[in-house]
Amino acid sequence: MSENNIVYNIDLDKPVTPAMARDAMVECFYEAHCTDTGLDEGDPNVNREYILDVIKKATTDIGEDFENPTKKSLLKTVEKLKEFAKKFRDQSIIQKHAAEMVKIIEKIKE
């Protein structure tokens, strides 16, 4: 296992499932939206729930199922979250996190 191939607790040298990628998306968005903006100074559980709600809503808005993600639905969700994030974040940060997520999602074998 190479330290460089670990992204949001996902070892990219091992098989990746859609559920693993979805959970990594929650971590990624939490880091990008809460940690990077200082919103993590409050209750981390409340902030995590907020992020979970944002991602669930984004998934539902595109007509997909958060609980049963697919490679395609995850890629669509990343695009939806990029739209949401542009209201709050610098484009370079959005692109960095989106690229990390796509790297994980692309490892899914369907």
PDB file of N, CA and C in Angstrom:
ATOM      1  N   MET A   1       0.850  -1.184   0.000  1.00  0.00           N
ATOM      2  CA  MET A   1       0.000   0.000   0.000  1.00  0.00           C
ATOM      3  C   MET A   1       0.888   1.237   0.000  1.00  0.00           C
ATOM      4  N   SER A   2       0.666   2.073  -0.955  1.00  0.00           N
ATOM      5  CA  SER A   2       1.439   3.300  -1.074  1.00  0.00           C
ATOM      6  C   SER A   2       0.665   4.453  -0.449  1.00  0.00           C
ATOM      7  N   GLU A   3       1.340   5.196   0.393  1.00  0.00           N
ATOM      8  CA  GLU A   3       0.719   6.357   1.049  1.00  0.00           C
ATOM      9  C   GLU A   3       0.154   7.339   0.022  1.00  0.00           C
ATOM     10  N   ASN A   4       0.806   7.439  -1.132  1.00  0.00           N
ATOM     11  CA  ASN A   4       0.361   8.360  -2.172  1.00  0.00           C
ATOM     12  C   ASN A   4      -0.928   7.915  -2.852  1.00  0.00           C
ATOM     13  N   ASN A   5      -1.281   6.654  -2.699  1.00  0.00           N
ATOM     14  CA  ASN A   5      -2.484   6.147  -3.337  1.00  0.00           C
ATOM     15  C   ASN A   5      -3.658   6.044  -2.368  1.00  0.00           C
ATOM     16  N   ILE A   6      -3.598   6.749  -1.254  1.00  0.00           N
ATOM     17  CA  ILE A   6      -4.695   6.801  -0.288  1.00  0.00           C
ATOM     18  C   ILE A   6      -5.373   8.163  -0.438  1.00  0.00           C
ATOM     19  N   VAL A   7      -6.646   8.141  -0.793  1.00  0.00           N
ATOM     20  CA  VAL A   7      -7.406   9.373  -0.956  1.00  0.00           C
ATOM     21  C   VAL A   7      -8.698   9.216  -0.158  1.00  0.00           C
ATOM     22  N   TYR A   8      -8.890  10.068   0.844  1.00  0.00           N
ATOM     23  CA  TYR A   8     -10.078  10.006   1.715  1.00  0.00           C
ATOM     24  C   TYR A   8     -10.298   8.585   2.250  1.00  0.00           C
ATOM     25  N   ASN A   9      -9.220   8.002   2.760  1.00  0.00           N
ATOM     26  CA  ASN A   9      -9.221   6.671   3.362  1.00  0.00           C
ATOM     27  C   ASN A   9      -9.490   5.544   2.368  1.00  0.00           C
ATOM     28  N   ILE A  10      -9.416   5.833   1.082  1.00  0.00           N
ATOM     29  CA  ILE A  10      -9.594   4.814   0.047  1.00  0.00           C
ATOM     30  C   ILE A  10      -8.219   4.478  -0.516  1.00  0.00           C
ATOM     31  N   ASP A  11      -7.866   3.182  -0.455  1.00  0.00           N
ATOM     32  CA  ASP A  11      -6.616   2.712  -1.041  1.00  0.00           C
ATOM     33  C   ASP A  11      -6.887   2.448  -2.520  1.00  0.00           C
ATOM     34  N   LEU A  12      -6.354   3.283  -3.370  1.00  0.00           N
ATOM     35  CA  LEU A  12      -6.615   3.177  -4.795  1.00  0.00           C
ATOM     36  C   LEU A  12      -5.926   1.985  -5.449  1.00  0.00           C
ATOM     37  N   ASP A  13      -5.105   1.278  -4.685  1.00  0.00           N
ATOM     38  CA  ASP A  13      -4.479   0.058  -5.195  1.00  0.00           C
ATOM     39  C   ASP A  13      -5.379  -1.150  -4.982  1.00  0.00           C
ATOM     40  N   LYS A  14      -6.509  -0.941  -4.316  1.00  0.00           N
ATOM     41  CA  LYS A  14      -7.453  -2.025  -4.031  1.00  0.00           C
ATOM     42  C   LYS A  14      -8.783  -1.718  -4.715  1.00  0.00           C
ATOM     43  N   PRO A  15      -9.645  -2.728  -4.847  1.00  0.00           N
ATOM     44  CA  PRO A  15     -10.956  -2.488  -5.470  1.00  0.00           C
ATOM     45  C   PRO A  15     -11.766  -1.436  -4.696  1.00  0.00           C
ATOM     46  N   VAL A  16     -12.497  -0.625  -5.444  1.00  0.00           N
ATOM     47  CA  VAL A  16     -13.329   0.426  -4.868  1.00  0.00           C
ATOM     48  C   VAL A  16     -14.789   0.126  -5.234  1.00  0.00           C
ATOM     49  N   THR A  17     -15.667   0.164  -4.244  1.00  0.00           N
ATOM     50  CA  THR A  17     -17.089  -0.031  -4.488  1.00  0.00           C
ATOM     51  C   THR A  17     -17.783   1.329  -4.562  1.00  0.00           C
ATOM     52  N   PRO A  18     -18.978   1.368  -5.153  1.00  0.00           N
ATOM     53  CA  PRO A  18     -19.715   2.630  -5.163  1.00  0.00           C
ATOM     54  C   PRO A  18     -19.986   3.173  -3.750  1.00  0.00           C
ATOM     55  N   ALA A  19     -20.284   2.300  -2.802  1.00  0.00           N
ATOM     56  CA  ALA A  19     -20.539   2.753  -1.424  1.00  0.00           C
ATOM     57  C   ALA A  19     -19.282   3.365  -0.812  1.00  0.00           C
ATOM     58  N   MET A  20     -18.132   2.775  -1.092  1.00  0.00           N
ATOM     59  CA  MET A  20     -16.879   3.333  -0.584  1.00  0.00           C
ATOM     60  C   MET A  20     -16.645   4.726  -1.175  1.00  0.00           C
ATOM     61  N   ALA A  21     -16.898   4.876  -2.465  1.00  0.00           N
ATOM     62  CA  ALA A  21     -16.703   6.164  -3.127  1.00  0.00           C
ATOM     63  C   ALA A  21     -17.694   7.191  -2.587  1.00  0.00           C
ATOM     64  N   ARG A  22     -18.939   6.776  -2.344  1.00  0.00           N
ATOM     65  CA  ARG A  22     -19.942   7.692  -1.782  1.00  0.00           C
ATOM     66  C   ARG A  22     -19.492   8.186  -0.412  1.00  0.00           C
ATOM     67  N   ASP A  23     -19.003   7.278   0.423  1.00  0.00           N
ATOM     68  CA  ASP A  23     -18.543   7.660   1.760  1.00  0.00           C
ATOM     69  C   ASP A  23     -17.324   8.584   1.677  1.00  0.00           C
ATOM     70  N   ALA A  24     -16.461   8.332   0.709  1.00  0.00           N
ATOM     71  CA  ALA A  24     -15.309   9.213   0.499  1.00  0.00           C
ATOM     72  C   ALA A  24     -15.776  10.602   0.060  1.00  0.00           C
ATOM     73  N   MET A  25     -16.869  10.637  -0.705  1.00  0.00           N
ATOM     74  CA  MET A  25     -17.425  11.918  -1.147  1.00  0.00           C
ATOM     75  C   MET A  25     -17.887  12.738   0.057  1.00  0.00           C
ATOM     76  N   VAL A  26     -18.474  12.071   1.031  1.00  0.00           N
ATOM     77  CA  VAL A  26     -18.899  12.764   2.252  1.00  0.00           C
ATOM     78  C   VAL A  26     -17.674  13.344   2.953  1.00  0.00           C
ATOM     79  N   GLU A  27     -16.611  12.565   3.075  1.00  0.00           N
ATOM     80  CA  GLU A  27     -15.378  13.044   3.704  1.00  0.00           C
ATOM     81  C   GLU A  27     -14.787  14.214   2.920  1.00  0.00           C
ATOM     82  N   CYS A  28     -14.743  14.072   1.621  1.00  0.00           N
ATOM     83  CA  CYS A  28     -14.183  15.109   0.751  1.00  0.00           C
ATOM     84  C   CYS A  28     -14.958  16.417   0.904  1.00  0.00           C
ATOM     85  N   PHE A  29     -16.287  16.319   0.835  1.00  0.00           N
ATOM     86  CA  PHE A  29     -17.105  17.530   0.906  1.00  0.00           C
ATOM     87  C   PHE A  29     -17.048  18.132   2.303  1.00  0.00           C
ATOM     88  N   TYR A  30     -16.964  17.283   3.317  1.00  0.00           N
ATOM     89  CA  TYR A  30     -16.821  17.784   4.693  1.00  0.00           C
ATOM     90  C   TYR A  30     -15.525  18.578   4.808  1.00  0.00           C
ATOM     91  N   GLU A  31     -14.448  18.003   4.291  1.00  0.00           N
ATOM     92  CA  GLU A  31     -13.156  18.692   4.363  1.00  0.00           C
ATOM     93  C   GLU A  31     -13.190  19.998   3.581  1.00  0.00           C
ATOM     94  N   ALA A  32     -13.722  19.952   2.377  1.00  0.00           N
ATOM     95  CA  ALA A  32     -13.732  21.129   1.515  1.00  0.00           C
ATOM     96  C   ALA A  32     -14.676  22.205   2.033  1.00  0.00           C
ATOM     97  N   HIS A  33     -15.834  21.791   2.512  1.00  0.00           N
ATOM     98  CA  HIS A  33     -16.850  22.766   2.871  1.00  0.00           C
ATOM     99  C   HIS A  33     -16.764  23.217   4.331  1.00  0.00           C
ATOM    100  N   CYS A  34     -16.433  22.301   5.210  1.00  0.00           N
ATOM    101  CA  CYS A  34     -16.394  22.656   6.641  1.00  0.00           C
ATOM    102  C   CYS A  34     -14.991  23.017   7.110  1.00  0.00           C
ATOM    103  N   THR A  35     -14.055  22.130   6.924  1.00  0.00           N
ATOM    104  CA  THR A  35     -12.708  22.364   7.421  1.00  0.00           C
ATOM    105  C   THR A  35     -12.072  23.570   6.736  1.00  0.00           C
ATOM    106  N   ASP A  36     -12.148  23.614   5.424  1.00  0.00           N
ATOM    107  CA  ASP A  36     -11.506  24.698   4.684  1.00  0.00           C
ATOM    108  C   ASP A  36     -12.176  26.053   4.897  1.00  0.00           C
ATOM    109  N   THR A  37     -13.442  26.066   5.327  1.00  0.00           N
ATOM    110  CA  THR A  37     -14.148  27.337   5.513  1.00  0.00           C
ATOM    111  C   THR A  37     -14.254  27.746   6.973  1.00  0.00           C
ATOM    112  N   GLY A  38     -13.793  26.883   7.889  1.00  0.00           N
ATOM    113  CA  GLY A  38     -13.867  27.203   9.304  1.00  0.00           C
ATOM    114  C   GLY A  38     -15.179  26.789   9.943  1.00  0.00           C
ATOM    115  N   LEU A  39     -16.061  26.135   9.194  1.00  0.00           N
ATOM    116  CA  LEU A  39     -17.329  25.680   9.761  1.00  0.00           C
ATOM    117  C   LEU A  39     -17.151  24.498  10.705  1.00  0.00           C
ATOM    118  N   ASP A  40     -15.949  23.931  10.743  1.00  0.00           N
ATOM    119  CA  ASP A  40     -15.715  22.774  11.598  1.00  0.00           C
ATOM    120  C   ASP A  40     -15.488  23.160  13.058  1.00  0.00           C
ATOM    121  N   GLU A  41     -15.601  24.438  13.370  1.00  0.00           N
ATOM    122  CA  GLU A  41     -15.374  24.878  14.749  1.00  0.00           C
ATOM    123  C   GLU A  41     -16.558  24.560  15.647  1.00  0.00           C
ATOM    124  N   GLY A  42     -17.705  24.273  15.067  1.00  0.00           N
ATOM    125  CA  GLY A  42     -18.879  23.898  15.851  1.00  0.00           C
ATOM    126  C   GLY A  42     -18.880  22.406  16.134  1.00  0.00           C
ATOM    127  N   ASP A  43     -20.044  21.860  16.348  1.00  0.00           N
ATOM    128  CA  ASP A  43     -20.211  20.438  16.630  1.00  0.00           C
ATOM    129  C   ASP A  43     -19.926  19.640  15.353  1.00  0.00           C
ATOM    130  N   PRO A  44     -18.887  18.796  15.350  1.00  0.00           N
ATOM    131  CA  PRO A  44     -18.551  18.058  14.130  1.00  0.00           C
ATOM    132  C   PRO A  44     -19.667  17.123  13.672  1.00  0.00           C
ATOM    133  N   ASN A  45     -20.450  16.588  14.607  1.00  0.00           N
ATOM    134  CA  ASN A  45     -21.554  15.710  14.230  1.00  0.00           C
ATOM    135  C   ASN A  45     -22.647  16.480  13.505  1.00  0.00           C
ATOM    136  N   VAL A  46     -22.929  17.683  13.970  1.00  0.00           N
ATOM    137  CA  VAL A  46     -23.934  18.524  13.309  1.00  0.00           C
ATOM    138  C   VAL A  46     -23.445  18.895  11.910  1.00  0.00           C
ATOM    139  N   ASN A  47     -22.183  19.266  11.799  1.00  0.00           N
ATOM    140  CA  ASN A  47     -21.620  19.636  10.501  1.00  0.00           C
ATOM    141  C   ASN A  47     -21.620  18.451   9.537  1.00  0.00           C
ATOM    142  N   ARG A  48     -21.299  17.268  10.037  1.00  0.00           N
ATOM    143  CA  ARG A  48     -21.296  16.072   9.205  1.00  0.00           C
ATOM    144  C   ARG A  48     -22.711  15.751   8.721  1.00  0.00           C
ATOM    145  N   GLU A  49     -23.681  15.919   9.607  1.00  0.00           N
ATOM    146  CA  GLU A  49     -25.084  15.699   9.218  1.00  0.00           C
ATOM    147  C   GLU A  49     -25.497  16.690   8.139  1.00  0.00           C
ATOM    148  N   TYR A  50     -25.066  17.933   8.286  1.00  0.00           N
ATOM    149  CA  TYR A  50     -25.360  18.955   7.284  1.00  0.00           C
ATOM    150  C   TYR A  50     -24.786  18.535   5.927  1.00  0.00           C
ATOM    151  N   ILE A  51     -23.543  18.098   5.918  1.00  0.00           N
ATOM    152  CA  ILE A  51     -22.888  17.672   4.680  1.00  0.00           C
ATOM    153  C   ILE A  51     -23.607  16.469   4.091  1.00  0.00           C
ATOM    154  N   LEU A  52     -23.979  15.531   4.935  1.00  0.00           N
ATOM    155  CA  LEU A  52     -24.718  14.358   4.473  1.00  0.00           C
ATOM    156  C   LEU A  52     -26.032  14.783   3.825  1.00  0.00           C
ATOM    157  N   ASP A  53     -26.734  15.721   4.445  1.00  0.00           N
ATOM    158  CA  ASP A  53     -27.994  16.221   3.885  1.00  0.00           C
ATOM    159  C   ASP A  53     -27.770  16.911   2.537  1.00  0.00           C
ATOM    160  N   VAL A  54     -26.707  17.694   2.424  1.00  0.00           N
ATOM    161  CA  VAL A  54     -26.395  18.381   1.162  1.00  0.00           C
ATOM    162  C   VAL A  54     -26.160  17.352   0.057  1.00  0.00           C
ATOM    163  N   ILE A  55     -25.385  16.310   0.359  1.00  0.00           N
ATOM    164  CA  ILE A  55     -25.068  15.302  -0.651  1.00  0.00           C
ATOM    165  C   ILE A  55     -26.295  14.469  -0.995  1.00  0.00           C
ATOM    166  N   LYS A  56     -27.092  14.121   0.011  1.00  0.00           N
ATOM    167  CA  LYS A  56     -28.326  13.371  -0.268  1.00  0.00           C
ATOM    168  C   LYS A  56     -29.260  14.189  -1.157  1.00  0.00           C
ATOM    169  N   LYS A  57     -29.385  15.476  -0.862  1.00  0.00           N
ATOM    170  CA  LYS A  57     -30.251  16.343  -1.674  1.00  0.00           C
ATOM    171  C   LYS A  57     -29.716  16.447  -3.102  1.00  0.00           C
ATOM    172  N   ALA A  58     -28.411  16.611  -3.255  1.00  0.00           N
ATOM    173  CA  ALA A  58     -27.814  16.689  -4.592  1.00  0.00           C
ATOM    174  C   ALA A  58     -28.094  15.410  -5.369  1.00  0.00           C
ATOM    175  N   THR A  59     -27.987  14.275  -4.699  1.00  0.00           N
ATOM    176  CA  THR A  59     -28.233  12.978  -5.339  1.00  0.00           C
ATOM    177  C   THR A  59     -29.692  12.856  -5.757  1.00  0.00           C
ATOM    178  N   THR A  60     -30.589  13.245  -4.864  1.00  0.00           N
ATOM    179  CA  THR A  60     -32.026  13.194  -5.163  1.00  0.00           C
ATOM    180  C   THR A  60     -32.374  14.161  -6.292  1.00  0.00           C
ATOM    181  N   ASP A  61     -31.781  15.349  -6.270  1.00  0.00           N
ATOM    182  CA  ASP A  61     -32.050  16.365  -7.300  1.00  0.00           C
ATOM    183  C   ASP A  61     -31.718  15.873  -8.710  1.00  0.00           C
ATOM    184  N   ILE A  62     -30.751  14.971  -8.820  1.00  0.00           N
ATOM    185  CA  ILE A  62     -30.392  14.449 -10.141  1.00  0.00           C
ATOM    186  C   ILE A  62     -31.098  13.130 -10.438  1.00  0.00           C
ATOM    187  N   GLY A  63     -32.047  12.763  -9.556  1.00  0.00           N
ATOM    188  CA  GLY A  63     -32.845  11.564  -9.789  1.00  0.00           C
ATOM    189  C   GLY A  63     -32.140  10.266  -9.464  1.00  0.00           C
ATOM    190  N   GLU A  64     -31.183  10.320  -8.561  1.00  0.00           N
ATOM    191  CA  GLU A  64     -30.420   9.119  -8.193  1.00  0.00           C
ATOM    192  C   GLU A  64     -30.679   8.750  -6.739  1.00  0.00           C
ATOM    193  N   ASP A  65     -30.195   7.570  -6.356  1.00  0.00           N
ATOM    194  CA  ASP A  65     -30.425   7.008  -5.027  1.00  0.00           C
ATOM    195  C   ASP A  65     -29.128   7.049  -4.222  1.00  0.00           C
ATOM    196  N   PHE A  66     -29.110   7.849  -3.163  1.00  0.00           N
ATOM    197  CA  PHE A  66     -27.920   7.977  -2.317  1.00  0.00           C
ATOM    198  C   PHE A  66     -27.512   6.635  -1.717  1.00  0.00           C
ATOM    199  N   GLU A  67     -28.500   5.844  -1.311  1.00  0.00           N
ATOM    200  CA  GLU A  67     -28.218   4.572  -0.635  1.00  0.00           C
ATOM    201  C   GLU A  67     -27.693   3.494  -1.573  1.00  0.00           C
ATOM    202  N   ASN A  68     -27.960   3.625  -2.871  1.00  0.00           N
ATOM    203  CA  ASN A  68     -27.529   2.632  -3.861  1.00  0.00           C
ATOM    204  C   ASN A  68     -26.810   3.324  -5.014  1.00  0.00           C
ATOM    205  N   PRO A  69     -25.630   3.859  -4.717  1.00  0.00           N
ATOM    206  CA  PRO A  69     -24.921   4.620  -5.748  1.00  0.00           C
ATOM    207  C   PRO A  69     -24.353   3.723  -6.849  1.00  0.00           C
ATOM    208  N   THR A  70     -24.182   4.300  -8.002  1.00  0.00           N
ATOM    209  CA  THR A  70     -23.496   3.661  -9.119  1.00  0.00           C
ATOM    210  C   THR A  70     -22.364   4.590  -9.544  1.00  0.00           C
ATOM    211  N   LYS A  71     -21.493   4.085 -10.362  1.00  0.00           N
ATOM    212  CA  LYS A  71     -20.410   4.918 -10.877  1.00  0.00           C
ATOM    213  C   LYS A  71     -20.987   6.146 -11.577  1.00  0.00           C
ATOM    214  N   LYS A  72     -21.996   5.931 -12.406  1.00  0.00           N
ATOM    215  CA  LYS A  72     -22.622   7.022 -13.149  1.00  0.00           C
ATOM    216  C   LYS A  72     -23.274   8.033 -12.205  1.00  0.00           C
ATOM    217  N   SER A  73     -24.008   7.546 -11.205  1.00  0.00           N
ATOM    218  CA  SER A  73     -24.690   8.470 -10.289  1.00  0.00           C
ATOM    219  C   SER A  73     -23.692   9.273  -9.464  1.00  0.00           C
ATOM    220  N   LEU A  74     -22.583   8.659  -9.096  1.00  0.00           N
ATOM    221  CA  LEU A  74     -21.561   9.364  -8.323  1.00  0.00           C
ATOM    222  C   LEU A  74     -20.908  10.466  -9.160  1.00  0.00           C
ATOM    223  N   LEU A  75     -20.637  10.179 -10.422  1.00  0.00           N
ATOM    224  CA  LEU A  75     -20.053  11.203 -11.294  1.00  0.00           C
ATOM    225  C   LEU A  75     -21.026  12.368 -11.476  1.00  0.00           C
ATOM    226  N   LYS A  76     -22.319  12.055 -11.627  1.00  0.00           N
ATOM    227  CA  LYS A  76     -23.332  13.111 -11.746  1.00  0.00           C
ATOM    228  C   LYS A  76     -23.437  13.915 -10.453  1.00  0.00           C
ATOM    229  N   THR A  77     -23.308  13.242  -9.310  1.00  0.00           N
ATOM    230  CA  THR A  77     -23.381  13.926  -8.023  1.00  0.00           C
ATOM    231  C   THR A  77     -22.201  14.876  -7.854  1.00  0.00           C
ATOM    232  N   VAL A  78     -21.019  14.468  -8.271  1.00  0.00           N
ATOM    233  CA  VAL A  78     -19.850  15.351  -8.203  1.00  0.00           C
ATOM    234  C   VAL A  78     -20.134  16.631  -8.986  1.00  0.00           C
ATOM    235  N   GLU A  79     -20.711  16.502 -10.168  1.00  0.00           N
ATOM    236  CA  GLU A  79     -21.022  17.687 -10.978  1.00  0.00           C
ATOM    237  C   GLU A  79     -22.039  18.583 -10.269  1.00  0.00           C
ATOM    238  N   LYS A  80     -23.043  17.987  -9.658  1.00  0.00           N
ATOM    239  CA  LYS A  80     -24.064  18.750  -8.929  1.00  0.00           C
ATOM    240  C   LYS A  80     -23.436  19.471  -7.734  1.00  0.00           C
ATOM    241  N   LEU A  81     -22.549  18.783  -7.020  1.00  0.00           N
ATOM    242  CA  LEU A  81     -21.897  19.391  -5.857  1.00  0.00           C
ATOM    243  C   LEU A  81     -20.945  20.515  -6.270  1.00  0.00           C
ATOM    244  N   LYS A  82     -20.353  20.400  -7.426  1.00  0.00           N
ATOM    245  CA  LYS A  82     -19.503  21.485  -7.930  1.00  0.00           C
ATOM    246  C   LYS A  82     -20.345  22.746  -8.121  1.00  0.00           C
ATOM    247  N   GLU A  83     -21.556  22.579  -8.633  1.00  0.00           N
ATOM    248  CA  GLU A  83     -22.466  23.719  -8.806  1.00  0.00           C
ATOM    249  C   GLU A  83     -22.800  24.353  -7.454  1.00  0.00           C
ATOM    250  N   PHE A  84     -23.098  23.514  -6.463  1.00  0.00           N
ATOM    251  CA  PHE A  84     -23.416  23.988  -5.117  1.00  0.00           C
ATOM    252  C   PHE A  84     -22.219  24.725  -4.521  1.00  0.00           C
ATOM    253  N   ALA A  85     -21.040  24.134  -4.646  1.00  0.00           N
ATOM    254  CA  ALA A  85     -19.831  24.662  -3.998  1.00  0.00           C
ATOM    255  C   ALA A  85     -19.381  25.994  -4.585  1.00  0.00           C
ATOM    256  N   LYS A  86     -19.704  26.249  -5.851  1.00  0.00           N
ATOM    257  CA  LYS A  86     -19.203  27.484  -6.462  1.00  0.00           C
ATOM    258  C   LYS A  86     -19.772  28.733  -5.795  1.00  0.00           C
ATOM    259  N   LYS A  87     -20.829  28.577  -5.008  1.00  0.00           N
ATOM    260  CA  LYS A  87     -21.392  29.701  -4.262  1.00  0.00           C
ATOM    261  C   LYS A  87     -20.509  30.072  -3.062  1.00  0.00           C
ATOM    262  N   PHE A  88     -19.670  29.118  -2.630  1.00  0.00           N
ATOM    263  CA  PHE A  88     -18.920  29.290  -1.384  1.00  0.00           C
ATOM    264  C   PHE A  88     -17.404  29.222  -1.544  1.00  0.00           C
ATOM    265  N   ARG A  89     -16.934  28.498  -2.557  1.00  0.00           N
ATOM    266  CA  ARG A  89     -15.517  28.170  -2.643  1.00  0.00           C
ATOM    267  C   ARG A  89     -14.880  28.714  -3.906  1.00  0.00           C
ATOM    268  N   ASP A  90     -13.579  28.881  -3.833  1.00  0.00           N
ATOM    269  CA  ASP A  90     -12.771  29.252  -4.978  1.00  0.00           C
ATOM    270  C   ASP A  90     -12.764  28.091  -5.982  1.00  0.00           C
ATOM    271  N   GLN A  91     -12.799  28.419  -7.258  1.00  0.00           N
ATOM    272  CA  GLN A  91     -12.871  27.398  -8.306  1.00  0.00           C
ATOM    273  C   GLN A  91     -11.703  26.419  -8.240  1.00  0.00           C
ATOM    274  N   SER A  92     -10.518  26.869  -7.873  1.00  0.00           N
ATOM    275  CA  SER A  92      -9.358  25.971  -7.819  1.00  0.00           C
ATOM    276  C   SER A  92      -9.538  24.902  -6.744  1.00  0.00           C
ATOM    277  N   ILE A  93     -10.145  25.264  -5.630  1.00  0.00           N
ATOM    278  CA  ILE A  93     -10.400  24.291  -4.563  1.00  0.00           C
ATOM    279  C   ILE A  93     -11.458  23.295  -5.013  1.00  0.00           C
ATOM    280  N   ILE A  94     -12.492  23.787  -5.675  1.00  0.00           N
ATOM    281  CA  ILE A  94     -13.548  22.904  -6.181  1.00  0.00           C
ATOM    282  C   ILE A  94     -12.951  21.894  -7.163  1.00  0.00           C
ATOM    283  N   GLN A  95     -12.134  22.379  -8.074  1.00  0.00           N
ATOM    284  CA  GLN A  95     -11.530  21.498  -9.077  1.00  0.00           C
ATOM    285  C   GLN A  95     -10.620  20.456  -8.429  1.00  0.00           C
ATOM    286  N   LYS A  96      -9.862  20.860  -7.408  1.00  0.00           N
ATOM    287  CA  LYS A  96      -8.965  19.928  -6.721  1.00  0.00           C
ATOM    288  C   LYS A  96      -9.754  18.786  -6.093  1.00  0.00           C
ATOM    289  N   HIS A  97     -10.800  19.140  -5.348  1.00  0.00           N
ATOM    290  CA  HIS A  97     -11.595  18.112  -4.670  1.00  0.00           C
ATOM    291  C   HIS A  97     -12.384  17.265  -5.665  1.00  0.00           C
ATOM    292  N   ALA A  98     -12.919  17.889  -6.699  1.00  0.00           N
ATOM    293  CA  ALA A  98     -13.654  17.133  -7.716  1.00  0.00           C
ATOM    294  C   ALA A  98     -12.725  16.135  -8.412  1.00  0.00           C
ATOM    295  N   ALA A  99     -11.519  16.548  -8.704  1.00  0.00           N
ATOM    296  CA  ALA A  99     -10.552  15.655  -9.359  1.00  0.00           C
ATOM    297  C   ALA A  99     -10.209  14.470  -8.454  1.00  0.00           C
ATOM    298  N   GLU A 100     -10.081  14.719  -7.166  1.00  0.00           N
ATOM    299  CA  GLU A 100      -9.809  13.630  -6.223  1.00  0.00           C
ATOM    300  C   GLU A 100     -10.967  12.633  -6.224  1.00  0.00           C
ATOM    301  N   MET A 101     -12.195  13.151  -6.247  1.00  0.00           N
ATOM    302  CA  MET A 101     -13.357  12.263  -6.244  1.00  0.00           C
ATOM    303  C   MET A 101     -13.458  11.471  -7.547  1.00  0.00           C
ATOM    304  N   VAL A 102     -13.223  12.114  -8.661  1.00  0.00           N
ATOM    305  CA  VAL A 102     -13.287  11.407  -9.940  1.00  0.00           C
ATOM    306  C   VAL A 102     -12.223  10.311  -9.976  1.00  0.00           C
ATOM    307  N   LYS A 103     -11.065  10.582  -9.429  1.00  0.00           N
ATOM    308  CA  LYS A 103      -9.991   9.581  -9.371  1.00  0.00           C
ATOM    309  C   LYS A 103     -10.467   8.335  -8.609  1.00  0.00           C
ATOM    310  N   ILE A 104     -11.181   8.539  -7.516  1.00  0.00           N
ATOM    311  CA  ILE A 104     -11.728   7.419  -6.741  1.00  0.00           C
ATOM    312  C   ILE A 104     -12.823   6.710  -7.537  1.00  0.00           C
ATOM    313  N   ILE A 105     -13.764   7.481  -8.059  1.00  0.00           N
ATOM    314  CA  ILE A 105     -14.915   6.911  -8.761  1.00  0.00           C
ATOM    315  C   ILE A 105     -14.476   6.110  -9.985  1.00  0.00           C
ATOM    316  N   GLU A 106     -13.472   6.587 -10.674  1.00  0.00           N
ATOM    317  CA  GLU A 106     -12.994   5.887 -11.872  1.00  0.00           C
ATOM    318  C   GLU A 106     -12.434   4.500 -11.556  1.00  0.00           C
ATOM    319  N   LYS A 107     -12.101   4.248 -10.304  1.00  0.00           N
ATOM    320  CA  LYS A 107     -11.574   2.938  -9.890  1.00  0.00           C
ATOM    321  C   LYS A 107     -12.691   1.894  -9.728  1.00  0.00           C
ATOM    322  N   ILE A 108     -13.942   2.336  -9.731  1.00  0.00           N
ATOM    323  CA  ILE A 108     -15.071   1.409  -9.571  1.00  0.00           C
ATOM    324  C   ILE A 108     -15.212   0.557 -10.828  1.00  0.00           C
ATOM    325  N   LYS A 109     -15.304  -0.745 -10.626  1.00  0.00           N
ATOM    326  CA  LYS A 109     -15.536  -1.691 -11.747  1.00  0.00           C
ATOM    327  C   LYS A 109     -17.015  -2.066 -11.696  1.00  0.00           C
ATOM    328  N   GLU A 110     -17.724  -1.804 -12.799  1.00  0.00           N
ATOM    329  CA  GLU A 110     -19.142  -2.181 -12.839  1.00  0.00           C
ATOM    330  C   GLU A 110     -19.393  -3.253 -13.859  1.00  0.00           C
TER     331      GLU A 110
END
